Amino acid sequence: MKIFGLFLAVVSLVVGYSNEAIDKIYQQASQIVKNNNSDKEDEELLFEFYFNEIAKLDFETLEKNPELVFRKDLAWFEVIGSLESVSKIKNQLDLLKNDLQFVIDHSDQRSRLFKAAQLKSDLVNSFLKTSLTKEEDLLGAFVLFNESFLRKWGTKGSTATGKNLREEVFSNVQNFPDIAALFFDYLILAEDDPDLVLGYIKPDLVKAVKVDVDEDGEVVLVCEIEYSTSGCKHKITTEF
């Protein structure tokens, strides 16, 4: 699939979109996922849909609705991850970085939208600061990024890394409710479902499960998020 450039390059004459019109876009996006029977991944369809809808809007409308841009960016992030060329990944990450900065600049700093966009932006920056020449470099950058954030919930003053760091965090989450609350909130902000990230869906349960070794041989902290939508229960397993 050809990835389009930054949405800000698109000029539109459409003005005056109401909140109802923006909500309708979100509803249409939900239906796209529900009715997807194509060969394309949900994220690819969502990216194309949001890109086309954003192209119809004027800049003022986008400034007032940065969540629309963020929803596109979450899908875009997943699409970029499916690219096979590292050079294409780097080029797209550069564009995505600018997109996320737009969301940050036009969001309330107290909002979950701001925090989630900042978190994704930090992750993108960590990739761009790495000398990316092969896919393994992306994995290495991701591991380092996770370690830098996990250290916030490790033992104060600790310089632990790898397995020791994850065992520290696991222990602290099990024993200190305040640390657990902050850590679990971070887990949710780092997810890919915008409704979950932004708080429209409230998790039924968030927990740290164990310290384990993943399929790539990396030591990870395994966590689970359980939530319900339309009477259906869902469980996300995530690793840090």
Protein backbone atom coordinates (compact mmCIF):
# COMPACT_ATOMS: atom_id res chain seq x y z
CA MET A 1 0.00 0.00 0.00
CA LYS A 2 1.22 3.49 -0.78
CA ILE A 3 1.45 5.49 2.43
CA PHE A 4 0.27 9.06 2.06
CA GLY A 5 2.22 12.04 3.33
CA LEU A 6 1.42 14.35 6.20
CA PHE A 7 -2.22 15.37 6.29
CA LEU A 8 -1.27 19.03 6.74
CA ALA A 9 -0.14 19.08 3.13
CA VAL A 10 -3.74 18.59 2.03
CA VAL A 11 -5.73 21.73 1.33
CA SER A 12 -9.46 21.59 1.91
CA LEU A 13 -12.28 24.09 1.45
CA VAL A 14 -14.73 22.35 3.79
CA VAL A 15 -15.50 24.39 6.92
CA GLY A 16 -17.76 24.40 9.91
CA TYR A 17 -17.88 20.74 10.86
CA SER A 18 -20.10 20.14 13.89
CA ASN A 19 -19.43 17.81 16.79
CA GLU A 20 -22.14 15.55 15.38
CA ALA A 21 -20.27 15.32 12.08
CA ILE A 22 -17.04 14.38 13.84
CA ASP A 23 -18.87 11.77 15.94
CA LYS A 24 -20.30 10.33 12.73
CA ILE A 25 -16.75 9.84 11.43
CA TYR A 26 -15.89 7.83 14.55
CA GLN A 27 -19.04 5.73 14.11
CA GLN A 28 -18.18 5.04 10.48
CA ALA A 29 -14.68 3.96 11.51
CA SER A 30 -16.17 1.50 13.97
CA GLN A 31 -18.35 0.02 11.25
CA ILE A 32 -15.37 -0.32 8.92
CA VAL A 33 -13.66 -2.58 11.45
CA LYS A 34 -16.83 -4.52 12.22
CA ASN A 35 -17.57 -5.16 8.53
CA ASN A 36 -14.02 -5.82 7.35
CA ASN A 37 -14.05 -8.90 5.13
CA SER A 38 -11.22 -7.76 2.87
CA ASP A 39 -7.60 -8.88 2.65
CA LYS A 40 -6.48 -5.67 4.36
CA GLU A 41 -5.78 -5.36 8.07
CA ASP A 42 -8.17 -3.22 10.12
CA GLU A 43 -5.43 -0.65 10.73
CA GLU A 44 -4.78 -0.21 7.02
CA LEU A 45 -8.46 0.41 6.31
CA LEU A 46 -8.72 2.80 9.24
CA PHE A 47 -5.67 4.75 8.14
CA GLU A 48 -7.06 5.16 4.63
CA PHE A 49 -10.48 6.14 5.99
CA TYR A 50 -9.18 8.72 8.47
CA PHE A 51 -6.77 10.16 5.93
CA ASN A 52 -9.57 10.71 3.42
CA GLU A 53 -11.91 12.19 6.05
CA ILE A 54 -9.23 14.53 7.38
CA ALA A 55 -8.52 15.73 3.84
CA LYS A 56 -12.07 17.11 3.73
CA LEU A 57 -11.59 19.29 6.80
CA ASP A 58 -10.19 22.77 7.18
CA PHE A 59 -7.27 23.49 9.50
CA GLU A 60 -9.42 25.21 12.13
CA THR A 61 -11.65 22.15 12.44
CA LEU A 62 -8.61 19.93 12.91
CA GLU A 63 -7.23 22.24 15.59
CA LYS A 64 -10.49 21.84 17.49
CA ASN A 65 -10.59 18.05 16.97
CA PRO A 66 -7.04 16.72 17.49
CA GLU A 67 -8.51 13.39 18.61
CA LEU A 68 -9.43 12.71 14.99
CA VAL A 69 -5.78 13.09 14.00
CA PHE A 70 -4.66 10.91 16.92
CA ARG A 71 -7.01 8.10 15.91
CA LYS A 72 -5.50 8.18 12.45
CA ASP A 73 -2.02 8.18 13.97
CA LEU A 74 -2.67 5.03 16.01
CA ALA A 75 -3.68 3.22 12.82
CA TRP A 76 -0.74 4.76 10.96
CA PHE A 77 1.70 3.52 13.59
CA GLU A 78 0.53 -0.05 13.01
CA VAL A 79 0.70 0.33 9.23
CA ILE A 80 4.28 1.61 9.47
CA GLY A 81 5.19 -1.43 11.55
CA SER A 82 4.14 -3.71 8.68
CA LEU A 83 6.51 -2.10 6.17
CA GLU A 84 9.46 -4.24 5.12
CA SER A 85 11.88 -1.48 4.16
CA VAL A 86 13.71 0.18 7.06
CA SER A 87 14.26 3.34 4.98
CA LYS A 88 10.49 3.58 4.34
CA ILE A 89 9.84 3.04 8.04
CA LYS A 90 12.18 5.91 8.94
CA ASN A 91 10.57 8.24 6.39
CA GLN A 92 7.10 7.45 7.67
CA LEU A 93 8.15 7.84 11.31
CA ASP A 94 9.41 11.34 10.48
CA LEU A 95 5.97 12.24 9.12
CA LEU A 96 4.17 10.57 12.01
CA LYS A 97 6.30 12.54 14.48
CA ASN A 98 5.01 15.80 12.98
CA ASP A 99 1.45 14.51 13.06
CA LEU A 100 1.69 13.62 16.75
CA GLN A 101 3.19 17.01 17.52
CA PHE A 102 0.09 18.58 16.02
CA VAL A 103 -2.05 16.57 18.44
CA ILE A 104 0.17 17.56 21.37
CA ASP A 105 0.07 21.24 20.41
CA HIS A 106 -3.72 21.32 20.21
CA SER A 107 -4.68 19.15 23.20
CA ASP A 108 -5.33 20.03 26.82
CA GLN A 109 -2.16 19.08 28.71
CA ARG A 110 -4.31 17.51 31.44
CA SER A 111 -6.12 15.22 29.02
CA ARG A 112 -5.52 11.57 28.24
CA LEU A 113 -5.26 12.58 24.59
CA PHE A 114 -2.25 14.78 25.33
CA LYS A 115 -0.57 12.12 27.49
CA ALA A 116 -1.14 9.35 24.95
CA ALA A 117 0.11 11.45 22.03
CA GLN A 118 3.18 12.44 24.05
CA LEU A 119 3.88 8.79 24.87
CA LYS A 120 3.64 7.73 21.21
CA SER A 121 5.78 10.72 20.20
CA ASP A 122 8.45 9.72 22.71
CA LEU A 123 8.45 6.20 21.26
CA VAL A 124 8.77 7.51 17.70
CA ASN A 125 11.64 9.78 18.77
CA SER A 126 13.41 6.84 20.38
CA PHE A 127 13.26 5.00 17.05
CA LEU A 128 14.48 8.01 15.08
CA LYS A 129 17.44 8.55 17.42
CA THR A 130 18.60 5.00 16.74
CA SER A 131 20.78 4.11 13.77
CA LEU A 132 18.15 2.07 11.95
CA THR A 133 19.68 -0.19 9.30
CA LYS A 134 17.77 -3.42 9.89
CA GLU A 135 14.56 -4.59 11.60
CA GLU A 136 16.48 -5.83 14.64
CA ASP A 137 17.46 -2.23 15.36
CA LEU A 138 13.80 -1.37 15.85
CA LEU A 139 13.41 -4.16 18.39
CA GLY A 140 16.50 -2.98 20.24
CA ALA A 141 15.21 0.60 20.35
CA PHE A 142 11.84 -0.63 21.62
CA VAL A 143 13.46 -2.65 24.42
CA LEU A 144 15.52 0.38 25.52
CA PHE A 145 12.43 2.59 25.44
CA ASN A 146 10.51 0.16 27.62
CA GLU A 147 13.36 -0.06 30.09
CA SER A 148 13.51 3.71 30.45
CA PHE A 149 9.81 3.79 31.35
CA LEU A 150 9.86 0.69 33.53
CA ARG A 151 12.57 2.30 35.64
CA LYS A 152 9.95 4.79 36.88
CA TRP A 153 8.27 1.95 38.75
CA GLY A 154 11.39 0.11 39.85
CA THR A 155 13.15 0.50 43.18
CA LYS A 156 14.18 4.11 43.79
CA GLY A 157 17.81 4.66 42.91
CA SER A 158 18.12 1.24 41.30
CA THR A 159 20.19 0.81 38.14
CA ALA A 160 18.72 -2.61 37.38
CA THR A 161 18.08 -3.64 33.79
CA GLY A 162 16.61 -6.63 31.99
CA LYS A 163 15.21 -9.37 34.19
CA ASN A 164 16.16 -7.65 37.48
CA LEU A 165 14.36 -4.43 36.51
CA ARG A 166 11.21 -6.28 35.49
CA GLU A 167 11.21 -8.29 38.70
CA GLU A 168 11.51 -5.05 40.68
CA VAL A 169 8.55 -3.53 38.85
CA PHE A 170 6.50 -6.71 39.20
CA SER A 171 7.15 -6.77 42.95
CA ASN A 172 6.33 -3.08 43.39
CA VAL A 173 3.10 -3.37 41.40
CA GLN A 174 2.03 -6.32 43.55
CA ASN A 175 2.84 -4.62 46.85
CA PHE A 176 2.19 -0.89 46.40
CA PRO A 177 -1.28 0.19 45.16
CA ASP A 178 -0.15 3.73 44.25
CA ILE A 179 2.61 2.40 42.00
CA ALA A 180 0.21 -0.15 40.52
CA ALA A 181 -2.34 2.55 39.64
CA LEU A 182 0.24 4.69 37.83
CA PHE A 183 1.78 1.73 36.05
CA PHE A 184 -1.56 0.33 34.89
CA ASP A 185 -2.57 3.74 33.58
CA TYR A 186 0.62 3.76 31.51
CA LEU A 187 -0.24 0.30 30.14
CA ILE A 188 -3.59 1.59 28.94
CA LEU A 189 -2.11 4.77 27.42
CA ALA A 190 0.34 2.61 25.46
CA GLU A 191 -2.41 0.51 23.84
CA ASP A 192 -3.60 0.78 20.23
CA ASP A 193 -7.39 0.95 20.68
CA PRO A 194 -8.24 4.68 20.88
CA ASP A 195 -11.43 4.07 22.85
CA LEU A 196 -9.45 2.22 25.50
CA VAL A 197 -6.55 4.69 25.45
CA LEU A 198 -8.79 7.74 25.77
CA GLY A 199 -11.01 6.31 28.48
CA TYR A 200 -14.22 5.72 26.55
CA ILE A 201 -13.86 2.05 27.47
CA LYS A 202 -13.07 1.34 31.11
CA PRO A 203 -11.03 -1.82 31.80
CA ASP A 204 -12.60 -4.46 34.01
CA LEU A 205 -9.21 -5.63 35.20
CA VAL A 206 -5.56 -4.69 34.67
CA LYS A 207 -2.83 -6.85 36.17
CA ALA A 208 0.83 -7.75 35.99
CA VAL A 209 1.03 -11.51 35.40
CA LYS A 210 4.67 -12.59 35.45
CA VAL A 211 8.22 -12.01 34.29
CA ASP A 212 8.91 -14.31 31.35
CA VAL A 213 10.96 -14.78 28.16
CA ASP A 214 9.28 -13.89 24.86
CA GLU A 215 9.61 -15.60 21.47
CA ASP A 216 12.61 -13.40 20.62
CA GLY A 217 14.45 -14.47 23.74
CA GLU A 218 13.91 -11.15 25.51
CA VAL A 219 12.95 -11.02 29.19
CA VAL A 220 9.59 -9.25 29.49
CA LEU A 221 7.03 -8.26 32.07
CA VAL A 222 3.73 -9.81 30.96
CA CYS A 223 0.57 -7.83 31.72
CA GLU A 224 -3.11 -8.26 30.89
CA ILE A 225 -5.96 -5.82 30.29
CA GLU A 226 -9.53 -7.14 30.38
CA TYR A 227 -12.52 -5.10 29.19
CA SER A 228 -16.02 -5.52 27.80
CA THR A 229 -17.79 -4.04 24.77
CA SER A 230 -21.34 -4.77 23.60
CA GLY A 231 -21.59 -7.69 25.98
CA CYS A 232 -18.37 -9.29 24.71
CA LYS A 233 -15.32 -9.76 26.91
CA HIS A 234 -11.82 -9.02 25.60
CA LYS A 235 -8.35 -9.64 26.95
CA ILE A 236 -5.15 -7.98 25.76
CA THR A 237 -1.80 -9.47 26.71
CA THR A 238 1.03 -6.95 26.50
CA GLU A 239 4.75 -7.26 27.21
CA PHE A 240 7.33 -4.76 28.41
